[in-house]
Amino acid sequence: MKDLGGLPLVQVDKGVINRVMDRHREGEFSFWDCLIVAAALQSGCSLLLTEDMQNGRRLDTLEIRNPF
């Protein structure tokens, strides 16, 4: 993981894409939402703010919250 002005930059590599495809096959999220979740988990995020996913849902160590 590289640092971009204090913000972590997640490299989308084969491992990340494999995790995205596994989660996408479960059918709960779009490919792009799965990519966001995988990148958040890869970077060590514990909180994801989004209005597009179920509020309060936990995915591994990641909590999803709707800020609105």
N, C-alpha and C. Protein backbone atom coordinates (compact mmCIF):
# COMPACT_ATOMS: atom_id res chain seq x y z
N MET A 1 0.84 -1.17 0.00
CA MET A 1 0.00 0.00 0.00
C MET A 1 0.89 1.24 0.00
N LYS A 2 0.60 2.19 -0.87
CA LYS A 2 1.36 3.43 -0.96
C LYS A 2 0.64 4.54 -0.21
N ASP A 3 1.37 5.58 0.11
CA ASP A 3 0.81 6.72 0.82
C ASP A 3 0.63 7.86 -0.16
N LEU A 4 -0.54 8.47 -0.16
CA LEU A 4 -0.84 9.57 -1.07
C LEU A 4 -1.26 10.78 -0.23
N GLY A 5 -0.27 11.56 0.18
CA GLY A 5 -0.57 12.73 1.00
C GLY A 5 -1.25 12.39 2.31
N GLY A 6 -0.83 11.32 2.94
CA GLY A 6 -1.43 10.91 4.20
C GLY A 6 -2.59 9.95 4.04
N LEU A 7 -3.06 9.75 2.83
CA LEU A 7 -4.16 8.82 2.56
C LEU A 7 -3.60 7.55 1.93
N PRO A 8 -4.06 6.38 2.41
CA PRO A 8 -3.56 5.15 1.81
C PRO A 8 -4.11 4.95 0.40
N LEU A 9 -3.28 4.47 -0.47
CA LEU A 9 -3.67 4.15 -1.84
C LEU A 9 -3.66 2.64 -1.97
N VAL A 10 -4.81 2.07 -2.28
CA VAL A 10 -4.93 0.62 -2.41
C VAL A 10 -4.68 0.23 -3.86
N GLN A 11 -3.71 -0.64 -4.06
CA GLN A 11 -3.43 -1.16 -5.40
C GLN A 11 -4.45 -2.24 -5.73
N VAL A 12 -5.13 -2.10 -6.84
CA VAL A 12 -6.08 -3.12 -7.27
C VAL A 12 -5.28 -4.17 -8.02
N ASP A 13 -4.98 -5.25 -7.31
CA ASP A 13 -4.20 -6.33 -7.89
C ASP A 13 -5.07 -7.58 -8.02
N LYS A 14 -4.45 -8.66 -8.43
CA LYS A 14 -5.19 -9.91 -8.65
C LYS A 14 -5.88 -10.39 -7.38
N GLY A 15 -5.23 -10.24 -6.23
CA GLY A 15 -5.83 -10.66 -4.97
C GLY A 15 -7.10 -9.89 -4.64
N VAL A 16 -7.06 -8.57 -4.85
CA VAL A 16 -8.24 -7.74 -4.60
C VAL A 16 -9.37 -8.13 -5.55
N ILE A 17 -9.04 -8.30 -6.83
CA ILE A 17 -10.07 -8.67 -7.81
C ILE A 17 -10.68 -10.03 -7.47
N ASN A 18 -9.87 -10.99 -7.01
CA ASN A 18 -10.41 -12.30 -6.61
C ASN A 18 -11.39 -12.15 -5.45
N ARG A 19 -11.07 -11.31 -4.47
CA ARG A 19 -11.99 -11.08 -3.35
C ARG A 19 -13.25 -10.38 -3.82
N VAL A 20 -13.11 -9.45 -4.75
CA VAL A 20 -14.27 -8.77 -5.33
C VAL A 20 -15.19 -9.78 -6.01
N MET A 21 -14.62 -10.63 -6.84
CA MET A 21 -15.43 -11.61 -7.58
C MET A 21 -16.11 -12.59 -6.64
N ASP A 22 -15.41 -13.03 -5.58
CA ASP A 22 -16.03 -13.94 -4.61
C ASP A 22 -17.24 -13.29 -3.95
N ARG A 23 -17.09 -12.05 -3.51
CA ARG A 23 -18.21 -11.36 -2.85
C ARG A 23 -19.33 -11.07 -3.85
N HIS A 24 -18.97 -10.72 -5.08
CA HIS A 24 -19.98 -10.43 -6.10
C HIS A 24 -20.79 -11.68 -6.45
N ARG A 25 -20.13 -12.84 -6.47
CA ARG A 25 -20.85 -14.09 -6.75
C ARG A 25 -21.91 -14.40 -5.71
N GLU A 26 -21.71 -13.90 -4.48
CA GLU A 26 -22.71 -14.09 -3.44
C GLU A 26 -24.00 -13.35 -3.78
N GLY A 27 -23.92 -12.36 -4.69
CA GLY A 27 -25.09 -11.72 -5.25
C GLY A 27 -25.70 -10.58 -4.44
N GLU A 28 -25.04 -10.14 -3.39
CA GLU A 28 -25.64 -9.10 -2.56
C GLU A 28 -25.31 -7.69 -3.03
N PHE A 29 -24.19 -7.53 -3.72
CA PHE A 29 -23.74 -6.21 -4.12
C PHE A 29 -23.32 -6.22 -5.59
N SER A 30 -23.34 -5.02 -6.19
CA SER A 30 -22.83 -4.89 -7.56
C SER A 30 -21.31 -5.09 -7.54
N PHE A 31 -20.75 -5.31 -8.71
CA PHE A 31 -19.29 -5.46 -8.82
C PHE A 31 -18.60 -4.24 -8.23
N TRP A 32 -19.09 -3.04 -8.57
CA TRP A 32 -18.43 -1.80 -8.15
C TRP A 32 -18.52 -1.61 -6.64
N ASP A 33 -19.67 -1.95 -6.03
CA ASP A 33 -19.78 -1.88 -4.57
C ASP A 33 -18.84 -2.89 -3.91
N CYS A 34 -18.71 -4.06 -4.51
CA CYS A 34 -17.77 -5.07 -3.99
C CYS A 34 -16.34 -4.55 -4.07
N LEU A 35 -16.02 -3.82 -5.13
CA LEU A 35 -14.68 -3.25 -5.27
C LEU A 35 -14.41 -2.21 -4.17
N ILE A 36 -15.41 -1.39 -3.86
CA ILE A 36 -15.28 -0.41 -2.79
C ILE A 36 -15.06 -1.11 -1.46
N VAL A 37 -15.85 -2.15 -1.18
CA VAL A 37 -15.72 -2.90 0.07
C VAL A 37 -14.35 -3.55 0.16
N ALA A 38 -13.90 -4.19 -0.91
CA ALA A 38 -12.60 -4.87 -0.90
C ALA A 38 -11.46 -3.87 -0.68
N ALA A 39 -11.55 -2.71 -1.32
CA ALA A 39 -10.51 -1.69 -1.14
C ALA A 39 -10.52 -1.16 0.29
N ALA A 40 -11.70 -0.95 0.85
CA ALA A 40 -11.80 -0.48 2.23
C ALA A 40 -11.21 -1.49 3.20
N LEU A 41 -11.53 -2.77 3.01
CA LEU A 41 -10.98 -3.81 3.86
C LEU A 41 -9.47 -3.93 3.70
N GLN A 42 -8.99 -3.84 2.46
CA GLN A 42 -7.56 -3.94 2.18
C GLN A 42 -6.78 -2.82 2.87
N SER A 43 -7.39 -1.64 2.96
CA SER A 43 -6.70 -0.50 3.55
C SER A 43 -6.86 -0.43 5.07
N GLY A 44 -7.63 -1.35 5.63
CA GLY A 44 -7.80 -1.38 7.08
C GLY A 44 -8.91 -0.50 7.61
N CYS A 45 -9.80 -0.03 6.74
CA CYS A 45 -10.92 0.80 7.19
C CYS A 45 -11.85 -0.03 8.08
N SER A 46 -12.41 0.63 9.06
CA SER A 46 -13.39 -0.03 9.91
C SER A 46 -14.79 0.55 9.69
N LEU A 47 -14.88 1.68 8.98
CA LEU A 47 -16.15 2.35 8.74
C LEU A 47 -16.23 2.81 7.29
N LEU A 48 -17.34 2.48 6.64
CA LEU A 48 -17.57 2.90 5.25
C LEU A 48 -18.87 3.71 5.23
N LEU A 49 -18.78 4.96 4.83
CA LEU A 49 -19.96 5.81 4.71
C LEU A 49 -20.48 5.75 3.29
N THR A 50 -21.74 5.33 3.15
CA THR A 50 -22.36 5.22 1.83
C THR A 50 -23.87 5.22 1.98
N GLU A 51 -24.55 5.76 0.99
CA GLU A 51 -26.00 5.71 1.00
C GLU A 51 -26.53 4.55 0.15
N ASP A 52 -25.62 3.79 -0.46
CA ASP A 52 -26.02 2.75 -1.39
C ASP A 52 -26.09 1.34 -0.80
N MET A 53 -25.61 1.16 0.42
CA MET A 53 -25.61 -0.17 1.03
C MET A 53 -26.39 -0.13 2.33
N GLN A 54 -26.70 -1.29 2.86
CA GLN A 54 -27.53 -1.40 4.05
C GLN A 54 -26.86 -0.80 5.28
N ASN A 55 -27.54 0.17 5.89
CA ASN A 55 -27.03 0.84 7.08
C ASN A 55 -26.88 -0.15 8.24
N GLY A 56 -25.73 -0.09 8.90
CA GLY A 56 -25.48 -0.95 10.05
C GLY A 56 -24.93 -2.32 9.71
N ARG A 57 -24.83 -2.64 8.46
CA ARG A 57 -24.32 -3.95 8.04
C ARG A 57 -22.84 -4.06 8.34
N ARG A 58 -22.40 -5.24 8.73
CA ARG A 58 -20.98 -5.51 8.98
C ARG A 58 -20.51 -6.54 7.96
N LEU A 59 -19.39 -6.25 7.36
CA LEU A 59 -18.74 -7.15 6.43
C LEU A 59 -17.32 -7.36 6.94
N ASP A 60 -17.06 -8.51 7.50
CA ASP A 60 -15.78 -8.79 8.14
C ASP A 60 -15.56 -7.75 9.24
N THR A 61 -14.54 -6.92 9.11
CA THR A 61 -14.25 -5.90 10.13
C THR A 61 -14.78 -4.53 9.74
N LEU A 62 -15.56 -4.44 8.67
CA LEU A 62 -16.04 -3.18 8.13
C LEU A 62 -17.51 -2.96 8.48
N GLU A 63 -17.81 -1.78 9.02
CA GLU A 63 -19.20 -1.41 9.31
C GLU A 63 -19.66 -0.41 8.27
N ILE A 64 -20.86 -0.63 7.74
CA ILE A 64 -21.43 0.26 6.73
C ILE A 64 -22.43 1.19 7.42
N ARG A 65 -22.30 2.48 7.16
CA ARG A 65 -23.24 3.45 7.72
C ARG A 65 -23.69 4.41 6.64
N ASN A 66 -24.99 4.71 6.67
CA ASN A 66 -25.55 5.73 5.80
C ASN A 66 -25.48 7.04 6.57
N PRO A 67 -24.75 8.04 6.06
CA PRO A 67 -24.59 9.28 6.79
C PRO A 67 -25.83 10.19 6.74
N PHE A 68 -26.84 9.81 5.96
CA PHE A 68 -28.01 10.68 5.80
C PHE A 68 -29.17 10.25 6.64
